[in-house]
Amino acid sequence: MENTPRHRNTGKSSWWKRPAIIVPIIVAILACIQAVILAILNPDFVEKFIGKATSTPTEVVATASPAQSETPPIVTDIPVSPTSSVTYLPGEDWKQGCIHQQWQIYPFQDIPVDSNGCYQQPIWDYISTYEGGLHILAQHRNMITAKEYGLFVQLPQSANIELTVDLDEIDNGEVWFGVFSRPDLKSEGWLIVAPPGGVKDHAFAIRDMPSQERMDLTKIYSNPAGIYTLGFDLSLGSINAVIENTPREQYAFSSQQRWLFIGYRAKLETGKGSATIEALIKNLEIQAK
């Protein structure tokens, strides 16, 4: 019998000839190919893939600042500043055309201030600075009851206070200059009052507050320009009004806090609803003792 050549056994198995091994591998490969094809045909996958491949950086829209804008914004209000970059002695601010926020407005009104701490003027349309002083020009109409307007500033406990008041007109009103225990006309205090009437020959009144039960009248002072010097001498436990450099009677005043008030009252007559007050207060000096 002719011998048939036999394959040499190399010791290595032919795994690809074994169905038990090759079939699962082919099935796995086909499954992978199918998954890839389905993923590619998915619109969401295509959109994401294309978006990542072709995406551009997000556009950033810059907002121009007011300084860069071609048309700057219209400013209608002066911003309110809680602090001031400038410090004035009371009365020195008036010389700079400023009513400084150290003055408390009475009755309270929320008024804008500038970067120097100066109130926007005029206050209530009635009070503003003029010629280095504080100008009151009030023309009220249709008033039902009396009303008071003015400014408070805190004082040392012991001090000499002096100012000049130029009276132009007082009709159905009074100009008030006083010292109080709080920045409130209902607190304890004393007033120097310029009553209505002629300004060239004028008497003043010293009035206790808030009861107004006591009122001492001065003599009539004469001045062709209607300009008079008024003041207070504050000591521990007492107060003394000074009219035209002449001290008046000393009154008890025990409050430890002292507040200066400058302002006016409008409407005194019962049936008259109008009032006109014009006065210029200048040369305010507060000297602590």
C-alpha atoms as a PDB file:
ATOM      1  CA  MET A   1       0.000   0.000   0.000  1.00  0.00           C
ATOM      2  CA  GLU A   2       1.272   3.367  -0.967  1.00  0.00           C
ATOM      3  CA  ASN A   3       1.977   5.565   1.988  1.00  0.00           C
ATOM      4  CA  THR A   4      -0.102   8.833   2.116  1.00  0.00           C
ATOM      5  CA  PRO A   5       1.859  11.881   3.460  1.00  0.00           C
ATOM      6  CA  ARG A   6       0.740  12.926   6.877  1.00  0.00           C
ATOM      7  CA  HIS A   7       0.810  16.458   8.290  1.00  0.00           C
ATOM      8  CA  ARG A   8       3.442  17.114  10.825  1.00  0.00           C
ATOM      9  CA  ASN A   9       2.115  17.840  14.254  1.00  0.00           C
ATOM     10  CA  THR A  10       3.640  21.138  15.248  1.00  0.00           C
ATOM     11  CA  GLY A  11       2.050  21.203  18.602  1.00  0.00           C
ATOM     12  CA  LYS A  12      -0.103  24.259  17.686  1.00  0.00           C
ATOM     13  CA  SER A  13      -3.887  23.988  17.367  1.00  0.00           C
ATOM     14  CA  SER A  14      -5.719  25.489  14.349  1.00  0.00           C
ATOM     15  CA  TRP A  15      -8.323  27.480  16.328  1.00  0.00           C
ATOM     16  CA  TRP A  16      -9.887  29.047  13.234  1.00  0.00           C
ATOM     17  CA  LYS A  17     -10.885  25.619  12.040  1.00  0.00           C
ATOM     18  CA  ARG A  18     -12.891  25.069  15.243  1.00  0.00           C
ATOM     19  CA  PRO A  19     -16.566  26.153  14.928  1.00  0.00           C
ATOM     20  CA  ALA A  20     -17.009  26.317  18.677  1.00  0.00           C
ATOM     21  CA  ILE A  21     -14.559  29.236  18.808  1.00  0.00           C
ATOM     22  CA  ILE A  22     -14.929  31.048  15.490  1.00  0.00           C
ATOM     23  CA  VAL A  23     -18.721  31.396  15.454  1.00  0.00           C
ATOM     24  CA  PRO A  24     -19.044  33.452  18.678  1.00  0.00           C
ATOM     25  CA  ILE A  25     -16.236  35.744  17.571  1.00  0.00           C
ATOM     26  CA  ILE A  26     -17.890  36.429  14.204  1.00  0.00           C
ATOM     27  CA  VAL A  27     -21.238  37.059  15.902  1.00  0.00           C
ATOM     28  CA  ALA A  28     -19.616  39.567  18.311  1.00  0.00           C
ATOM     29  CA  ILE A  29     -17.901  41.394  15.445  1.00  0.00           C
ATOM     30  CA  LEU A  30     -21.165  41.635  13.495  1.00  0.00           C
ATOM     31  CA  ALA A  31     -22.936  42.939  16.587  1.00  0.00           C
ATOM     32  CA  CYS A  32     -20.337  45.660  17.015  1.00  0.00           C
ATOM     33  CA  ILE A  33     -20.609  46.659  13.372  1.00  0.00           C
ATOM     34  CA  GLN A  34     -24.393  46.824  13.663  1.00  0.00           C
ATOM     35  CA  ALA A  35     -24.195  49.025  16.780  1.00  0.00           C
ATOM     36  CA  VAL A  36     -21.831  51.412  15.021  1.00  0.00           C
ATOM     37  CA  ILE A  37     -24.096  51.618  11.949  1.00  0.00           C
ATOM     38  CA  LEU A  38     -27.201  52.287  14.090  1.00  0.00           C
ATOM     39  CA  ALA A  39     -25.367  54.959  16.062  1.00  0.00           C
ATOM     40  CA  ILE A  40     -24.231  56.670  12.875  1.00  0.00           C
ATOM     41  CA  LEU A  41     -27.756  56.609  11.453  1.00  0.00           C
ATOM     42  CA  ASN A  42     -29.134  58.183  14.705  1.00  0.00           C
ATOM     43  CA  PRO A  43     -29.913  61.887  13.957  1.00  0.00           C
ATOM     44  CA  ASP A  44     -28.928  62.982  17.460  1.00  0.00           C
ATOM     45  CA  PHE A  45     -25.536  61.338  17.103  1.00  0.00           C
ATOM     46  CA  VAL A  46     -25.012  62.910  13.679  1.00  0.00           C
ATOM     47  CA  GLU A  47     -26.000  66.350  14.993  1.00  0.00           C
ATOM     48  CA  LYS A  48     -23.704  66.088  18.000  1.00  0.00           C
ATOM     49  CA  PHE A  49     -20.841  64.706  15.920  1.00  0.00           C
ATOM     50  CA  ILE A  50     -21.198  67.410  13.264  1.00  0.00           C
ATOM     51  CA  GLY A  51     -21.711  70.106  15.912  1.00  0.00           C
ATOM     52  CA  LYS A  52     -18.489  69.134  17.680  1.00  0.00           C
ATOM     53  CA  ALA A  53     -16.595  69.028  14.452  1.00  0.00           C
ATOM     54  CA  THR A  54     -17.891  72.346  13.122  1.00  0.00           C
ATOM     55  CA  SER A  55     -18.683  74.300  16.310  1.00  0.00           C
ATOM     56  CA  THR A  56     -17.302  77.826  16.678  1.00  0.00           C
ATOM     57  CA  PRO A  57     -16.534  79.735  19.901  1.00  0.00           C
ATOM     58  CA  THR A  58     -19.591  81.269  21.561  1.00  0.00           C
ATOM     59  CA  GLU A  59     -19.956  84.904  20.601  1.00  0.00           C
ATOM     60  CA  VAL A  60     -19.640  87.277  23.571  1.00  0.00           C
ATOM     61  CA  VAL A  61     -21.623  90.490  23.284  1.00  0.00           C
ATOM     62  CA  ALA A  62     -19.943  93.261  25.247  1.00  0.00           C
ATOM     63  CA  THR A  63     -22.111  95.885  26.892  1.00  0.00           C
ATOM     64  CA  ALA A  64     -20.681  99.331  26.491  1.00  0.00           C
ATOM     65  CA  SER A  65     -20.208 101.412  29.622  1.00  0.00           C
ATOM     66  CA  PRO A  66     -21.722 104.929  29.741  1.00  0.00           C
ATOM     67  CA  ALA A  67     -18.309 106.349  28.907  1.00  0.00           C
ATOM     68  CA  GLN A  68     -18.059 104.162  25.795  1.00  0.00           C
ATOM     69  CA  SER A  69     -21.622 104.649  24.585  1.00  0.00           C
ATOM     70  CA  GLU A  70     -22.183 106.982  21.719  1.00  0.00           C
ATOM     71  CA  THR A  71     -25.242 108.404  23.486  1.00  0.00           C
ATOM     72  CA  PRO A  72     -24.639 108.809  27.245  1.00  0.00           C
ATOM     73  CA  PRO A  73     -27.563 108.036  29.558  1.00  0.00           C
ATOM     74  CA  ILE A  74     -29.629 110.922  30.904  1.00  0.00           C
ATOM     75  CA  VAL A  75     -29.095 111.383  34.640  1.00  0.00           C
ATOM     76  CA  THR A  76     -32.228 112.670  36.344  1.00  0.00           C
ATOM     77  CA  ASP A  77     -31.172 112.298  39.999  1.00  0.00           C
ATOM     78  CA  ILE A  78     -27.991 113.041  41.873  1.00  0.00           C
ATOM     79  CA  PRO A  79     -26.841 109.813  43.560  1.00  0.00           C
ATOM     80  CA  VAL A  80     -27.144 109.646  47.298  1.00  0.00           C
ATOM     81  CA  SER A  81     -23.797 109.436  49.091  1.00  0.00           C
ATOM     82  CA  PRO A  82     -23.814 108.131  52.674  1.00  0.00           C
ATOM     83  CA  THR A  83     -20.513 109.825  53.455  1.00  0.00           C
ATOM     84  CA  SER A  84     -18.879 113.077  52.452  1.00  0.00           C
ATOM     85  CA  SER A  85     -15.384 113.570  51.087  1.00  0.00           C
ATOM     86  CA  VAL A  86     -15.392 117.175  52.374  1.00  0.00           C
ATOM     87  CA  THR A  87     -15.883 118.375  55.959  1.00  0.00           C
ATOM     88  CA  TYR A  88     -17.309 121.845  56.622  1.00  0.00           C
ATOM     89  CA  LEU A  89     -17.925 123.824  59.759  1.00  0.00           C
ATOM     90  CA  PRO A  90     -21.618 124.761  59.926  1.00  0.00           C
ATOM     91  CA  GLY A  91     -22.018 127.945  57.907  1.00  0.00           C
ATOM     92  CA  GLU A  92     -18.771 127.467  55.991  1.00  0.00           C
ATOM     93  CA  ASP A  93     -20.616 125.114  53.652  1.00  0.00           C
ATOM     94  CA  TRP A  94     -22.975 127.965  52.663  1.00  0.00           C
ATOM     95  CA  LYS A  95     -20.010 130.033  51.491  1.00  0.00           C
ATOM     96  CA  GLN A  96     -19.194 127.189  49.079  1.00  0.00           C
ATOM     97  CA  GLY A  97     -22.769 127.095  47.754  1.00  0.00           C
ATOM     98  CA  CYS A  98     -23.429 123.919  49.742  1.00  0.00           C
ATOM     99  CA  ILE A  99     -25.988 122.856  52.334  1.00  0.00           C
ATOM    100  CA  HIS A 100     -24.025 119.972  53.799  1.00  0.00           C
ATOM    101  CA  GLN A 101     -25.647 116.726  54.906  1.00  0.00           C
ATOM    102  CA  GLN A 102     -24.497 117.389  58.483  1.00  0.00           C
ATOM    103  CA  TRP A 103     -27.630 119.567  58.574  1.00  0.00           C
ATOM    104  CA  GLN A 104     -30.713 117.476  59.295  1.00  0.00           C
ATOM    105  CA  ILE A 105     -33.750 118.523  57.288  1.00  0.00           C
ATOM    106  CA  TYR A 106     -36.929 119.260  59.230  1.00  0.00           C
ATOM    107  CA  PRO A 107     -39.438 117.864  58.627  1.00  0.00           C
ATOM    108  CA  PHE A 108     -37.447 114.945  57.227  1.00  0.00           C
ATOM    109  CA  GLN A 109     -37.192 114.700  53.474  1.00  0.00           C
ATOM    110  CA  ASP A 110     -35.026 112.245  51.543  1.00  0.00           C
ATOM    111  CA  ILE A 111     -32.992 114.563  49.312  1.00  0.00           C
ATOM    112  CA  PRO A 112     -30.093 113.428  47.068  1.00  0.00           C
ATOM    113  CA  VAL A 113     -26.583 114.637  47.879  1.00  0.00           C
ATOM    114  CA  ASP A 114     -23.512 114.936  45.667  1.00  0.00           C
ATOM    115  CA  SER A 115     -20.033 113.450  46.201  1.00  0.00           C
ATOM    116  CA  ASN A 116     -19.170 116.275  48.618  1.00  0.00           C
ATOM    117  CA  GLY A 117     -22.202 115.541  50.771  1.00  0.00           C
ATOM    118  CA  CYS A 118     -24.136 118.625  49.625  1.00  0.00           C
ATOM    119  CA  TYR A 119     -27.914 118.452  49.330  1.00  0.00           C
ATOM    120  CA  GLN A 120     -29.556 119.037  45.993  1.00  0.00           C
ATOM    121  CA  GLN A 121     -31.010 122.550  46.104  1.00  0.00           C
ATOM    122  CA  PRO A 122     -33.422 124.139  46.707  1.00  0.00           C
ATOM    123  CA  ILE A 123     -34.765 122.175  49.650  1.00  0.00           C
ATOM    124  CA  TRP A 124     -38.586 121.984  49.380  1.00  0.00           C
ATOM    125  CA  ASP A 125     -38.225 124.805  46.789  1.00  0.00           C
ATOM    126  CA  TYR A 126     -37.908 127.220  49.755  1.00  0.00           C
ATOM    127  CA  ILE A 127     -34.332 127.041  51.131  1.00  0.00           C
ATOM    128  CA  SER A 128     -31.044 127.401  49.218  1.00  0.00           C
ATOM    129  CA  THR A 129     -27.638 129.046  49.420  1.00  0.00           C
ATOM    130  CA  TYR A 130     -27.232 132.602  48.183  1.00  0.00           C
ATOM    131  CA  GLU A 131     -24.404 135.143  48.497  1.00  0.00           C
ATOM    132  CA  GLY A 132     -22.551 132.972  50.999  1.00  0.00           C
ATOM    133  CA  GLY A 133     -25.559 132.487  53.246  1.00  0.00           C
ATOM    134  CA  LEU A 134     -28.716 130.466  53.730  1.00  0.00           C
ATOM    135  CA  HIS A 135     -31.619 131.987  51.825  1.00  0.00           C
ATOM    136  CA  ILE A 136     -35.243 131.457  52.807  1.00  0.00           C
ATOM    137  CA  LEU A 137     -37.698 132.398  50.086  1.00  0.00           C
ATOM    138  CA  ALA A 138     -41.056 130.846  50.881  1.00  0.00           C
ATOM    139  CA  GLN A 139     -44.303 131.717  49.145  1.00  0.00           C
ATOM    140  CA  HIS A 140     -47.021 129.399  50.395  1.00  0.00           C
ATOM    141  CA  ARG A 141     -50.559 129.277  49.063  1.00  0.00           C
ATOM    142  CA  ASN A 142     -53.772 127.580  50.212  1.00  0.00           C
ATOM    143  CA  MET A 143     -52.397 126.624  53.613  1.00  0.00           C
ATOM    144  CA  ILE A 144     -54.819 125.026  56.058  1.00  0.00           C
ATOM    145  CA  THR A 145     -52.612 124.875  59.167  1.00  0.00           C
ATOM    146  CA  ALA A 146     -49.311 126.358  60.312  1.00  0.00           C
ATOM    147  CA  LYS A 147     -46.187 124.540  59.133  1.00  0.00           C
ATOM    148  CA  GLU A 148     -42.525 124.747  60.130  1.00  0.00           C
ATOM    149  CA  TYR A 149     -39.505 124.131  57.904  1.00  0.00           C
ATOM    150  CA  GLY A 150     -35.796 124.345  58.619  1.00  0.00           C
ATOM    151  CA  LEU A 151     -32.457 122.707  59.339  1.00  0.00           C
ATOM    152  CA  PHE A 152     -30.878 121.218  62.479  1.00  0.00           C
ATOM    153  CA  VAL A 153     -27.177 120.803  63.259  1.00  0.00           C
ATOM    154  CA  GLN A 154     -25.617 119.453  66.451  1.00  0.00           C
ATOM    155  CA  LEU A 155     -23.827 121.844  68.826  1.00  0.00           C
ATOM    156  CA  PRO A 156     -21.227 121.525  71.587  1.00  0.00           C
ATOM    157  CA  GLN A 157     -22.747 121.462  75.046  1.00  0.00           C
ATOM    158  CA  SER A 158     -21.089 124.767  75.865  1.00  0.00           C
ATOM    159  CA  ALA A 159     -20.679 127.288  73.055  1.00  0.00           C
ATOM    160  CA  ASN A 160     -21.245 130.803  71.819  1.00  0.00           C
ATOM    161  CA  ILE A 161     -23.398 130.994  68.680  1.00  0.00           C
ATOM    162  CA  GLU A 162     -23.858 134.068  66.513  1.00  0.00           C
ATOM    163  CA  LEU A 163     -25.294 134.932  63.103  1.00  0.00           C
ATOM    164  CA  THR A 164     -26.756 137.827  61.144  1.00  0.00           C
ATOM    165  CA  VAL A 165     -30.242 137.749  59.687  1.00  0.00           C
ATOM    166  CA  ASP A 166     -31.214 140.016  56.787  1.00  0.00           C
ATOM    167  CA  LEU A 167     -34.998 140.336  56.875  1.00  0.00           C
ATOM    168  CA  ASP A 168     -36.718 141.298  53.622  1.00  0.00           C
ATOM    169  CA  GLU A 169     -40.327 140.261  54.210  1.00  0.00           C
ATOM    170  CA  ILE A 170     -42.310 138.396  56.847  1.00  0.00           C
ATOM    171  CA  ASP A 171     -46.011 138.128  56.006  1.00  0.00           C
ATOM    172  CA  ASN A 172     -48.174 135.710  57.989  1.00  0.00           C
ATOM    173  CA  GLY A 173     -45.110 133.886  59.292  1.00  0.00           C
ATOM    174  CA  GLU A 174     -42.055 133.963  61.568  1.00  0.00           C
ATOM    175  CA  VAL A 175     -38.312 133.402  61.150  1.00  0.00           C
ATOM    176  CA  TRP A 176     -36.990 131.000  63.816  1.00  0.00           C
ATOM    177  CA  PHE A 177     -33.512 130.698  65.328  1.00  0.00           C
ATOM    178  CA  GLY A 178     -33.282 128.300  68.277  1.00  0.00           C
ATOM    179  CA  VAL A 179     -31.540 125.642  70.337  1.00  0.00           C
ATOM    180  CA  PHE A 180     -33.233 122.303  71.124  1.00  0.00           C
ATOM    181  CA  SER A 181     -32.450 119.128  73.050  1.00  0.00           C
ATOM    182  CA  ARG A 182     -33.110 116.989  69.950  1.00  0.00           C
ATOM    183  CA  PRO A 183     -33.492 117.636  66.204  1.00  0.00           C
ATOM    184  CA  ASP A 184     -37.223 117.954  66.764  1.00  0.00           C
ATOM    185  CA  LEU A 185     -39.337 121.070  67.325  1.00  0.00           C
ATOM    186  CA  LYS A 186     -41.393 119.103  69.858  1.00  0.00           C
ATOM    187  CA  SER A 187     -38.369 118.713  72.129  1.00  0.00           C
ATOM    188  CA  GLU A 188     -37.242 121.067  74.891  1.00  0.00           C
ATOM    189  CA  GLY A 189     -35.714 124.293  73.577  1.00  0.00           C
ATOM    190  CA  TRP A 190     -35.630 128.060  73.262  1.00  0.00           C
ATOM    191  CA  LEU A 191     -36.327 130.217  70.223  1.00  0.00           C
ATOM    192  CA  ILE A 192     -35.476 133.703  69.057  1.00  0.00           C
ATOM    193  CA  VAL A 193     -38.436 134.656  66.881  1.00  0.00           C
ATOM    194  CA  ALA A 194     -38.605 137.372  64.230  1.00  0.00           C
ATOM    195  CA  PRO A 195     -42.375 138.039  64.037  1.00  0.00           C
ATOM    196  CA  PRO A 196     -44.292 139.420  61.026  1.00  0.00           C
ATOM    197  CA  GLY A 197     -44.252 143.120  60.279  1.00  0.00           C
ATOM    198  CA  GLY A 198     -41.872 145.823  59.146  1.00  0.00           C
ATOM    199  CA  VAL A 199     -38.246 144.764  58.927  1.00  0.00           C
ATOM    200  CA  LYS A 200     -36.539 148.158  59.356  1.00  0.00           C
ATOM    201  CA  ASP A 201     -37.933 148.601  62.863  1.00  0.00           C
ATOM    202  CA  HIS A 202     -38.223 145.204  64.446  1.00  0.00           C
ATOM    203  CA  ALA A 203     -38.745 143.608  67.848  1.00  0.00           C
ATOM    204  CA  PHE A 204     -37.896 139.994  68.644  1.00  0.00           C
ATOM    205  CA  ALA A 205     -39.361 137.406  70.993  1.00  0.00           C
ATOM    206  CA  ILE A 206     -37.722 134.712  73.131  1.00  0.00           C
ATOM    207  CA  ARG A 207     -40.044 131.704  73.372  1.00  0.00           C
ATOM    208  CA  ASP A 208     -39.803 128.424  75.285  1.00  0.00           C
ATOM    209  CA  MET A 209     -40.485 125.213  73.386  1.00  0.00           C
ATOM    210  CA  PRO A 210     -42.473 123.130  72.946  1.00  0.00           C
ATOM    211  CA  SER A 211     -45.080 124.583  75.332  1.00  0.00           C
ATOM    212  CA  GLN A 212     -44.673 128.183  74.042  1.00  0.00           C
ATOM    213  CA  GLU A 213     -46.157 129.310  77.352  1.00  0.00           C
ATOM    214  CA  ARG A 214     -43.434 131.877  77.977  1.00  0.00           C
ATOM    215  CA  MET A 215     -42.609 134.617  75.494  1.00  0.00           C
ATOM    216  CA  ASP A 216     -40.385 137.576  76.341  1.00  0.00           C
ATOM    217  CA  LEU A 217     -40.423 140.533  73.951  1.00  0.00           C
ATOM    218  CA  THR A 218     -37.404 142.710  73.254  1.00  0.00           C
ATOM    219  CA  LYS A 219     -37.377 146.402  72.517  1.00  0.00           C
ATOM    220  CA  ILE A 220     -37.726 147.608  68.929  1.00  0.00           C
ATOM    221  CA  TYR A 221     -34.432 147.664  67.041  1.00  0.00           C
ATOM    222  CA  SER A 222     -33.949 149.883  64.008  1.00  0.00           C
ATOM    223  CA  ASN A 223     -31.852 149.107  60.961  1.00  0.00           C
ATOM    224  CA  PRO A 224     -32.454 150.655  57.507  1.00  0.00           C
ATOM    225  CA  ALA A 225     -31.288 147.416  55.801  1.00  0.00           C
ATOM    226  CA  GLY A 226     -33.231 145.091  58.108  1.00  0.00           C
ATOM    227  CA  ILE A 227     -30.038 143.292  59.224  1.00  0.00           C
ATOM    228  CA  TYR A 228     -29.730 142.124  62.839  1.00  0.00           C
ATOM    229  CA  THR A 229     -27.268 140.094  64.938  1.00  0.00           C
ATOM    230  CA  LEU A 230     -28.692 137.210  66.962  1.00  0.00           C
ATOM    231  CA  GLY A 231     -27.035 134.640  69.169  1.00  0.00           C
ATOM    232  CA  PHE A 232     -27.041 132.210  72.086  1.00  0.00           C
ATOM    233  CA  ASP A 233     -24.679 131.649  74.995  1.00  0.00           C
ATOM    234  CA  LEU A 234     -24.788 127.961  75.973  1.00  0.00           C
ATOM    235  CA  SER A 235     -23.460 126.791  79.327  1.00  0.00           C
ATOM    236  CA  LEU A 236     -23.904 123.645  81.400  1.00  0.00           C
ATOM    237  CA  GLY A 237     -27.495 123.725  82.569  1.00  0.00           C
ATOM    238  CA  SER A 238     -28.422 127.109  81.082  1.00  0.00           C
ATOM    239  CA  ILE A 239     -28.981 129.126  77.917  1.00  0.00           C
ATOM    240  CA  ASN A 240     -28.901 132.853  77.289  1.00  0.00           C
ATOM    241  CA  ALA A 241     -30.292 134.614  74.208  1.00  0.00           C
ATOM    242  CA  VAL A 242     -28.271 137.504  72.778  1.00  0.00           C
ATOM    243  CA  ILE A 243     -29.948 140.200  70.629  1.00  0.00           C
ATOM    244  CA  GLU A 244     -27.823 142.837  68.902  1.00  0.00           C
ATOM    245  CA  ASN A 245     -24.885 141.862  71.131  1.00  0.00           C
ATOM    246  CA  THR A 246     -26.984 142.413  74.259  1.00  0.00           C
ATOM    247  CA  PRO A 247     -27.462 139.351  76.557  1.00  0.00           C
ATOM    248  CA  ARG A 248     -30.985 138.640  77.687  1.00  0.00           C
ATOM    249  CA  GLU A 249     -32.252 136.747  80.719  1.00  0.00           C
ATOM    250  CA  GLN A 250     -30.631 133.412  81.453  1.00  0.00           C
ATOM    251  CA  TYR A 251     -32.926 130.369  81.248  1.00  0.00           C
ATOM    252  CA  ALA A 252     -32.559 126.859  82.638  1.00  0.00           C
ATOM    253  CA  PHE A 253     -31.632 124.299  79.978  1.00  0.00           C
ATOM    254  CA  SER A 254     -30.451 120.968  81.345  1.00  0.00           C
ATOM    255  CA  SER A 255     -30.226 118.878  78.186  1.00  0.00           C
ATOM    256  CA  GLN A 256     -26.775 117.442  77.500  1.00  0.00           C
ATOM    257  CA  GLN A 257     -27.414 117.441  73.741  1.00  0.00           C
ATOM    258  CA  ARG A 258     -27.936 120.764  71.965  1.00  0.00           C
ATOM    259  CA  TRP A 259     -29.141 121.225  68.404  1.00  0.00           C
ATOM    260  CA  LEU A 260     -29.257 124.491  66.464  1.00  0.00           C
ATOM    261  CA  PHE A 261     -32.384 125.147  64.400  1.00  0.00           C
ATOM    262  CA  ILE A 262     -32.676 127.703  61.590  1.00  0.00           C
ATOM    263  CA  GLY A 263     -35.975 127.978  59.749  1.00  0.00           C
ATOM    264  CA  TYR A 264     -39.432 129.486  59.791  1.00  0.00           C
ATOM    265  CA  ARG A 265     -43.106 129.010  60.540  1.00  0.00           C
ATOM    266  CA  ALA A 266     -45.692 129.811  57.873  1.00  0.00           C
ATOM    267  CA  LYS A 267     -49.328 130.751  58.535  1.00  0.00           C
ATOM    268  CA  LEU A 268     -50.276 132.490  61.777  1.00  0.00           C
ATOM    269  CA  GLU A 269     -53.632 134.040  60.906  1.00  0.00           C
ATOM    270  CA  THR A 270     -56.674 131.792  61.094  1.00  0.00           C
ATOM    271  CA  GLY A 271     -58.392 132.800  57.881  1.00  0.00           C
ATOM    272  CA  LYS A 272     -55.394 133.582  55.706  1.00  0.00           C
ATOM    273  CA  GLY A 273     -54.045 130.667  53.660  1.00  0.00           C
ATOM    274  CA  SER A 274     -50.986 132.364  52.127  1.00  0.00           C
ATOM    275  CA  ALA A 275     -47.635 133.291  53.636  1.00  0.00           C
ATOM    276  CA  THR A 276     -44.461 134.937  52.339  1.00  0.00           C
ATOM    277  CA  ILE A 277     -41.127 134.798  54.173  1.00  0.00           C
ATOM    278  CA  GLU A 278     -37.828 136.043  52.785  1.00  0.00           C
ATOM    279  CA  ALA A 279     -34.636 136.214  54.850  1.00  0.00           C
ATOM    280  CA  LEU A 280     -30.902 135.655  54.374  1.00  0.00           C
ATOM    281  CA  ILE A 281     -28.906 134.121  57.237  1.00  0.00           C
ATOM    282  CA  LYS A 282     -25.148 134.709  57.113  1.00  0.00           C
ATOM    283  CA  ASN A 283     -21.967 134.803  59.201  1.00  0.00           C
ATOM    284  CA  LEU A 284     -22.814 131.787  61.348  1.00  0.00           C
ATOM    285  CA  GLU A 285     -20.157 131.212  63.985  1.00  0.00           C
ATOM    286  CA  ILE A 286     -20.141 128.423  66.582  1.00  0.00           C
ATOM    287  CA  GLN A 287     -17.344 128.678  69.133  1.00  0.00           C
ATOM    288  CA  ALA A 288     -17.038 125.926  71.710  1.00  0.00           C
ATOM    289  CA  LYS A 289     -16.196 127.060  75.236  1.00  0.00           C
END
